[in-house]
């Protein structure tokens, strides 16, 4: 059976070599006689898997030694509460930039625990751009400053990070982690749901500077305290064992087949360039994002006609191009071209769009 091109915003495609490797080890992982799905997380065999995953993530991302890596559950959405519970414990203040649905949810959730300020927003234009910031609006005594680095629904990305001085910068990187090099030292904390570029749904990765751990609110549940997971090597309870195993395979693919994050960035730029170049010259399809803020990962576009949008999504699905319908809050179409989407998939999508334009333009 031929594999479809899956443009889903998440869970997303996984590299075929990763799936093949996992399939070959499904019934018997390296001579243990059991699947990783069945393996005790307390076994030495599984300890080697989780240790290897962390070591690879540190190597591929260049994570400094003074940062802790945590393999958690609950999705990035749980971090909307965990971050303020653990970090908003000094002044009780945090600043946010509102660039989409997930940034909004993070802001609203954190507002339950302290004094949160939206220093800028792009809601006025349906989050189609990254707002310009006025540093005078930043609170120098804030416990942290939060951004969503790449906005999955709206297709915008921060190309330049805000200068927050001594205030720790916190970022939701769910839809752009591992897509290109990132200077982890610029951040106090990074968090990401794995189901876009790292592996299957069920795993959430937190990278936190060690001096920010151990200051949680007294009322913080044990499972929501970063210190709990630091002290127990992400094994306080049963971790998402299989998702961590797949993440390790993805990291091996990135390191050994792609050429690390520098190599991944080149491929992602090529894929995004193919689609953006077509959108810029098309008379039917139009991109919806300010050009200077375009994401490499998520590319929303429209025809201007709800009827034509629906027709294109239907014809694309029939041709093996899945999940191109835009988010319900935006409409139109959205191509999520995460790491595992091959260049060929974008080339064929552009060809399909050109054919559709010729027939319907």
Protein backbone atom coordinates (compact mmCIF):
# COMPACT_ATOMS: atom_id res chain seq x y z
CA UNK A 1 0.00 0.00 0.00
CA UNK A 2 1.34 3.43 -0.94
CA UNK A 3 1.84 5.86 1.93
CA UNK A 4 -0.09 9.12 1.76
CA UNK A 5 1.42 12.55 2.22
CA UNK A 6 0.14 13.61 5.62
CA UNK A 7 0.06 17.38 6.12
CA UNK A 8 -1.54 17.14 9.56
CA UNK A 9 -0.64 19.73 12.19
CA UNK A 10 -0.14 16.86 14.62
CA UNK A 11 0.20 14.00 15.11
CA UNK A 12 2.37 14.29 12.05
CA UNK A 13 4.30 12.07 9.70
CA UNK A 14 7.27 10.14 11.06
CA UNK A 15 10.37 9.33 9.00
CA UNK A 16 9.87 6.07 7.12
CA UNK A 17 13.22 4.70 8.29
CA UNK A 18 12.13 5.28 11.89
CA UNK A 19 8.86 3.43 11.33
CA UNK A 20 10.71 0.58 9.61
CA UNK A 21 13.19 0.32 12.49
CA UNK A 22 10.39 0.32 15.05
CA UNK A 23 8.51 -2.33 13.06
CA UNK A 24 11.58 -4.58 12.94
CA UNK A 25 11.93 -4.33 16.72
CA UNK A 26 8.23 -4.50 17.56
CA UNK A 27 8.17 -8.12 18.74
CA UNK A 28 11.74 -8.44 19.93
CA UNK A 29 13.80 -5.43 20.98
CA UNK A 30 17.49 -6.25 20.48
CA UNK A 31 17.22 -9.84 21.60
CA UNK A 32 15.26 -9.20 24.79
CA UNK A 33 12.32 -11.27 23.54
CA UNK A 34 9.88 -8.46 24.29
CA UNK A 35 8.59 -5.28 22.72
CA UNK A 36 9.54 -1.90 24.15
CA UNK A 37 5.78 -1.49 24.68
CA UNK A 38 5.92 -4.39 27.16
CA UNK A 39 9.21 -3.51 28.81
CA UNK A 40 9.47 -2.52 32.45
CA UNK A 41 10.56 1.08 32.75
CA UNK A 42 12.68 -0.04 35.70
CA UNK A 43 14.68 -2.51 33.61
CA UNK A 44 18.29 -1.87 32.62
CA UNK A 45 17.26 -2.28 28.97
CA UNK A 46 14.74 0.55 29.21
CA UNK A 47 17.08 2.71 31.28
CA UNK A 48 19.52 2.53 28.36
CA UNK A 49 16.78 3.72 26.00
CA UNK A 50 15.76 6.78 28.03
CA UNK A 51 19.38 7.66 28.83
CA UNK A 52 20.24 7.36 25.15
CA UNK A 53 17.31 9.56 24.17
CA UNK A 54 18.39 12.30 26.56
CA UNK A 55 22.03 12.09 25.46
CA UNK A 56 21.03 12.38 21.80
CA UNK A 57 18.69 15.29 22.46
CA UNK A 58 21.46 17.12 24.33
CA UNK A 59 23.88 16.45 21.48
CA UNK A 60 21.55 17.34 18.61
CA UNK A 61 20.22 20.51 20.26
CA UNK A 62 23.46 21.53 21.96
CA UNK A 63 21.78 21.70 25.37
CA UNK A 64 24.15 23.17 28.00
CA UNK A 65 25.04 21.11 31.05
CA UNK A 66 23.18 23.46 33.41
CA UNK A 67 19.83 22.52 31.86
CA UNK A 68 17.67 19.60 32.88
CA UNK A 69 15.81 17.49 30.31
CA UNK A 70 12.47 16.05 31.45
CA UNK A 71 10.31 13.49 29.66
CA UNK A 72 6.76 14.13 30.84
CA UNK A 73 3.13 13.57 29.92
CA UNK A 74 0.03 15.75 29.72
CA UNK A 75 0.89 17.53 26.49
CA UNK A 76 2.14 21.08 26.13
CA UNK A 77 -1.22 22.15 27.58
CA UNK A 78 -0.19 20.86 31.02
CA UNK A 79 2.80 23.17 30.85
CA UNK A 80 0.42 26.13 30.77
CA UNK A 81 -0.10 25.38 34.48
CA UNK A 82 3.23 23.76 35.36
CA UNK A 83 5.27 26.76 34.21
CA UNK A 84 3.56 29.32 36.47
CA UNK A 85 3.33 26.88 39.37
CA UNK A 86 7.10 26.37 39.23
CA UNK A 87 8.38 29.74 38.00
CA UNK A 88 5.88 32.44 38.99
CA UNK A 89 6.91 32.34 42.63
CA UNK A 90 9.06 35.44 43.08
CA UNK A 91 7.15 38.59 42.22
CA UNK A 92 4.16 36.54 41.13
CA UNK A 93 4.24 38.26 37.73
CA UNK A 94 4.69 37.03 34.16
CA UNK A 95 4.58 38.75 30.76
CA UNK A 96 3.11 37.21 27.61
CA UNK A 97 2.97 37.95 23.89
CA UNK A 98 -0.32 36.77 22.40
CA UNK A 99 0.31 35.39 18.91
CA UNK A 100 -2.35 32.71 18.60
CA UNK A 101 -4.60 30.20 20.30
CA UNK A 102 -1.90 28.40 22.28
CA UNK A 103 -0.26 31.59 23.53
CA UNK A 104 -3.72 32.76 24.58
CA UNK A 105 -4.39 29.55 26.47
CA UNK A 106 -1.02 29.74 28.20
CA UNK A 107 -1.79 33.33 29.25
CA UNK A 108 -5.27 32.52 30.54
CA UNK A 109 -4.12 29.48 32.50
CA UNK A 110 -1.18 31.31 34.07
CA UNK A 111 -3.52 34.14 35.05
CA UNK A 112 -5.11 31.76 37.54
CA UNK A 113 -1.87 31.69 39.51
CA UNK A 114 -0.55 35.23 39.40
CA UNK A 115 -0.37 38.65 37.76
CA UNK A 116 -0.08 38.10 34.02
CA UNK A 117 0.31 40.89 31.48
CA UNK A 118 -0.16 40.71 27.72
CA UNK A 119 2.57 43.06 26.50
CA UNK A 120 1.55 42.72 22.82
CA UNK A 121 -0.94 40.87 20.63
CA UNK A 122 -1.63 40.21 16.95
CA UNK A 123 -5.27 39.26 17.48
CA UNK A 124 -6.40 42.35 15.57
CA UNK A 125 -5.40 40.70 12.28
CA UNK A 126 -6.28 37.09 13.12
CA UNK A 127 -2.75 36.43 14.39
CA UNK A 128 -1.31 36.74 10.88
CA UNK A 129 1.87 38.47 12.06
CA UNK A 130 4.29 38.69 14.98
CA UNK A 131 3.66 41.99 16.79
CA UNK A 132 6.39 44.57 17.26
CA UNK A 133 7.37 44.86 20.89
CA UNK A 134 7.90 47.91 23.05
CA UNK A 135 10.51 46.98 25.70
CA UNK A 136 9.05 49.69 27.90
CA UNK A 137 6.05 47.39 28.34
CA UNK A 138 8.23 44.58 29.76
CA UNK A 139 8.21 44.27 33.54
CA UNK A 140 11.75 43.91 34.82
CA UNK A 141 10.53 42.15 37.96
CA UNK A 142 8.51 39.52 36.09
CA UNK A 143 9.33 35.92 36.98
CA UNK A 144 9.30 34.96 33.31
CA UNK A 145 8.40 36.16 29.81
CA UNK A 146 6.39 33.71 27.66
CA UNK A 147 6.15 33.31 23.89
CA UNK A 148 4.91 30.63 21.51
CA UNK A 149 7.87 30.41 19.14
CA UNK A 150 5.99 28.93 16.18
CA UNK A 151 2.24 29.31 15.84
CA UNK A 152 0.84 26.10 14.43
CA UNK A 153 -2.63 27.33 13.54
CA UNK A 154 -1.70 30.69 12.04
CA UNK A 155 1.66 29.92 10.44
CA UNK A 156 3.81 32.61 12.06
CA UNK A 157 7.21 32.26 13.72
CA UNK A 158 9.53 34.44 15.77
CA UNK A 159 12.62 35.08 13.63
CA UNK A 160 14.11 37.33 16.31
CA UNK A 161 13.75 36.61 20.01
CA UNK A 162 12.72 39.37 22.42
CA UNK A 163 15.48 40.69 24.66
CA UNK A 164 14.11 40.11 28.14
CA UNK A 165 17.31 40.88 30.04
CA UNK A 166 17.52 38.96 33.28
CA UNK A 167 13.90 37.80 33.06
CA UNK A 168 13.85 34.14 31.94
CA UNK A 169 12.41 33.64 28.46
CA UNK A 170 9.97 30.71 28.29
CA UNK A 171 8.84 29.30 24.96
CA UNK A 172 6.35 26.76 23.69
CA UNK A 173 8.32 25.15 20.85
CA UNK A 174 5.93 22.28 20.13
CA UNK A 175 5.69 22.88 16.38
CA UNK A 176 9.26 23.92 15.62
CA UNK A 177 11.54 21.96 17.95
CA UNK A 178 14.29 20.09 16.05
CA UNK A 179 13.44 21.93 12.81
CA UNK A 180 16.57 24.12 12.91
CA UNK A 181 19.36 25.04 15.35
CA UNK A 182 18.29 26.96 18.44
CA UNK A 183 20.37 28.64 21.12
CA UNK A 184 18.98 26.96 24.23
CA UNK A 185 20.99 29.31 26.47
CA UNK A 186 18.72 32.19 25.39
CA UNK A 187 15.86 30.55 27.27
CA UNK A 188 15.04 29.76 30.86
CA UNK A 189 12.67 27.00 29.80
CA UNK A 190 11.50 25.32 26.59
CA UNK A 191 8.59 22.91 26.33
CA UNK A 192 7.13 20.87 23.49
CA UNK A 193 4.56 18.25 22.74
CA UNK A 194 6.40 15.58 20.76
CA UNK A 195 3.75 14.78 18.18
CA UNK A 196 4.96 17.14 15.46
CA UNK A 197 8.72 16.72 15.06
CA UNK A 198 9.88 14.41 17.84
CA UNK A 199 7.69 11.32 17.84
CA UNK A 200 4.15 10.12 18.55
CA UNK A 201 1.61 11.79 20.80
CA UNK A 202 1.94 11.15 24.53
CA UNK A 203 5.38 12.59 25.25
CA UNK A 204 6.09 16.15 26.39
CA UNK A 205 9.68 17.37 26.63
CA UNK A 206 10.74 20.14 29.03
CA UNK A 207 14.22 21.69 28.93
CA UNK A 208 14.69 23.87 32.02
CA UNK A 209 17.63 25.78 33.43
CA UNK A 210 18.54 24.15 36.72
CA UNK A 211 18.40 27.35 38.79
CA UNK A 212 14.68 27.62 37.96
CA UNK A 213 13.92 24.24 39.53
CA UNK A 214 13.02 23.83 43.19
CA UNK A 215 10.95 26.99 43.69
CA UNK A 216 7.45 25.65 43.10
CA UNK A 217 4.38 27.02 44.85
CA UNK A 218 3.61 25.14 48.07
CA UNK A 219 0.26 24.02 46.67
CA UNK A 220 1.81 22.53 43.51
CA UNK A 221 0.76 18.89 43.05
CA UNK A 222 3.67 16.46 43.30
CA UNK A 223 3.34 15.48 39.64
CA UNK A 224 3.40 19.14 38.56
CA UNK A 225 6.61 19.98 40.40
CA UNK A 226 9.67 19.94 38.12
CA UNK A 227 11.82 18.99 41.11
CA UNK A 228 9.92 15.69 41.35
CA UNK A 229 10.94 14.71 37.84
CA UNK A 230 14.50 16.03 38.13
CA UNK A 231 15.04 14.00 41.30
CA UNK A 232 13.64 10.85 39.71
CA UNK A 233 15.13 11.03 36.22
CA UNK A 234 11.67 11.39 34.63
CA UNK A 235 10.74 8.08 36.29
CA UNK A 236 8.65 9.21 39.29
CA UNK A 237 5.82 7.31 37.63
CA UNK A 238 5.72 5.20 34.47
CA UNK A 239 6.88 7.50 31.66
CA UNK A 240 5.51 7.33 28.08
CA UNK A 241 7.98 4.54 27.36
CA UNK A 242 7.23 3.80 23.72
CA UNK A 243 7.00 7.46 22.73
CA UNK A 244 10.44 8.06 24.27
CA UNK A 245 11.80 5.08 22.32
CA UNK A 246 10.45 6.50 19.05
CA UNK A 247 11.86 9.92 19.94
CA UNK A 248 15.27 8.27 20.32
CA UNK A 249 14.92 6.75 16.84
CA UNK A 250 13.94 10.16 15.42
CA UNK A 251 17.02 11.73 17.00
CA UNK A 252 19.22 8.98 15.53
CA UNK A 253 17.66 9.74 12.12
CA UNK A 254 18.37 13.45 12.52
CA UNK A 255 21.96 12.84 13.55
CA UNK A 256 22.92 10.04 11.17
CA UNK A 257 20.75 10.55 8.07
CA UNK A 258 19.90 14.25 7.95
CA UNK A 259 23.07 15.92 9.18
CA UNK A 260 21.77 17.33 12.43
CA UNK A 261 19.72 20.48 12.82
CA UNK A 262 21.81 22.45 10.32
CA UNK A 263 21.00 19.84 7.68
CA UNK A 264 17.37 19.76 8.75
CA UNK A 265 17.07 23.52 8.40
CA UNK A 266 18.32 23.42 4.80
CA UNK A 267 15.74 20.80 3.90
CA UNK A 268 12.95 22.69 5.67
CA UNK A 269 13.89 25.93 3.93
CA UNK A 270 13.78 24.17 0.57
CA UNK A 271 10.34 22.70 1.26
CA UNK A 272 8.87 25.96 2.54
CA UNK A 273 10.45 27.89 -0.35
CA UNK A 274 8.75 25.66 -2.90
CA UNK A 275 5.31 26.30 -1.44
CA UNK A 276 5.75 29.99 -0.64
CA UNK A 277 7.18 30.68 -4.12
CA UNK A 278 4.10 29.08 -5.67
CA UNK A 279 1.72 31.00 -3.41
CA UNK A 280 3.46 34.29 -4.26
CA UNK A 281 2.98 33.80 -7.99
CA UNK A 282 -0.42 32.06 -7.92
CA UNK A 283 -3.51 33.95 -9.07
CA UNK A 284 -5.84 31.64 -7.13
CA UNK A 285 -4.07 30.60 -3.94
CA UNK A 286 -2.84 33.17 -1.44
CA UNK A 287 -0.81 32.88 1.73
CA UNK A 288 -2.34 34.46 4.83
CA UNK A 289 0.78 35.41 6.81
CA UNK A 290 2.94 38.54 6.73
CA UNK A 291 5.96 37.56 4.62
CA UNK A 292 8.51 38.57 7.23
CA UNK A 293 6.88 36.28 9.83
CA UNK A 294 6.33 33.11 7.78
CA UNK A 295 6.84 29.75 9.42
CA UNK A 296 8.90 26.93 7.92
CA UNK A 297 6.58 24.39 9.51
CA UNK A 298 2.96 25.50 9.04
CA UNK A 299 1.76 27.25 5.89
CA UNK A 300 -1.88 28.41 5.77
CA UNK A 301 -3.41 29.53 2.46
CA UNK A 302 -6.80 30.28 0.91
CA UNK A 303 -8.47 30.71 -2.46
CA UNK A 304 -10.87 33.40 -1.25
CA UNK A 305 -13.83 31.09 -1.83
CA UNK A 306 -15.09 28.69 0.84
CA UNK A 307 -16.55 26.52 -1.92
CA UNK A 308 -13.24 26.28 -3.79
CA UNK A 309 -11.35 25.68 -0.54
CA UNK A 310 -13.60 22.72 0.26
CA UNK A 311 -13.30 21.41 -3.29
CA UNK A 312 -9.52 21.55 -3.18
CA UNK A 313 -9.32 19.79 0.19
CA UNK A 314 -11.64 17.05 -1.12
CA UNK A 315 -9.72 16.53 -4.35
CA UNK A 316 -6.41 16.59 -2.51
CA UNK A 317 -7.58 13.90 -0.10
CA UNK A 318 -8.71 11.70 -2.98
CA UNK A 319 -5.23 12.10 -4.50
CA UNK A 320 -3.47 11.01 -1.27
CA UNK A 321 -2.75 14.42 0.30
CA UNK A 322 -4.24 14.25 3.77
CA UNK A 323 -5.25 16.79 6.43
CA UNK A 324 -4.93 19.97 4.37
CA UNK A 325 -8.07 21.54 5.81
CA UNK A 326 -7.25 24.68 7.80
CA UNK A 327 -7.99 25.01 11.50
CA UNK A 328 -11.65 25.71 12.21
CA UNK A 329 -10.79 29.15 13.61
CA UNK A 330 -9.12 30.22 10.35
CA UNK A 331 -10.61 28.15 7.53
CA UNK A 332 -8.98 27.65 4.16
CA UNK A 333 -6.06 25.24 3.97
CA UNK A 334 -2.91 24.59 5.95
CA UNK A 335 0.08 22.50 4.94
CA UNK A 336 2.11 21.40 7.95
CA UNK A 337 5.45 20.37 6.50
CA UNK A 338 7.29 19.09 9.54
CA UNK A 339 10.68 17.41 9.42
CA UNK A 340 9.46 14.03 8.18
CA UNK A 341 7.58 15.46 5.19
CA UNK A 342 9.84 14.71 2.20
CA UNK A 343 10.67 17.38 -0.36
CA UNK A 344 8.86 15.22 -2.90
CA UNK A 345 5.63 15.62 -0.94
CA UNK A 346 5.75 19.41 -1.23
CA UNK A 347 6.72 19.24 -4.90
CA UNK A 348 3.71 17.05 -5.61
CA UNK A 349 1.43 19.29 -3.55
CA UNK A 350 2.53 22.33 -5.59
CA UNK A 351 1.90 20.38 -8.80
CA UNK A 352 -1.59 19.47 -7.55
CA UNK A 353 -2.30 23.11 -6.68
CA UNK A 354 -1.13 24.28 -10.11
CA UNK A 355 -3.40 21.72 -11.77
CA UNK A 356 -6.33 22.79 -9.61
CA UNK A 357 -5.71 26.45 -10.41
CA UNK A 358 -5.66 25.71 -14.11
CA UNK A 359 -9.01 23.95 -13.84
CA UNK A 360 -10.68 26.39 -11.43
CA UNK A 361 -8.87 29.70 -11.72
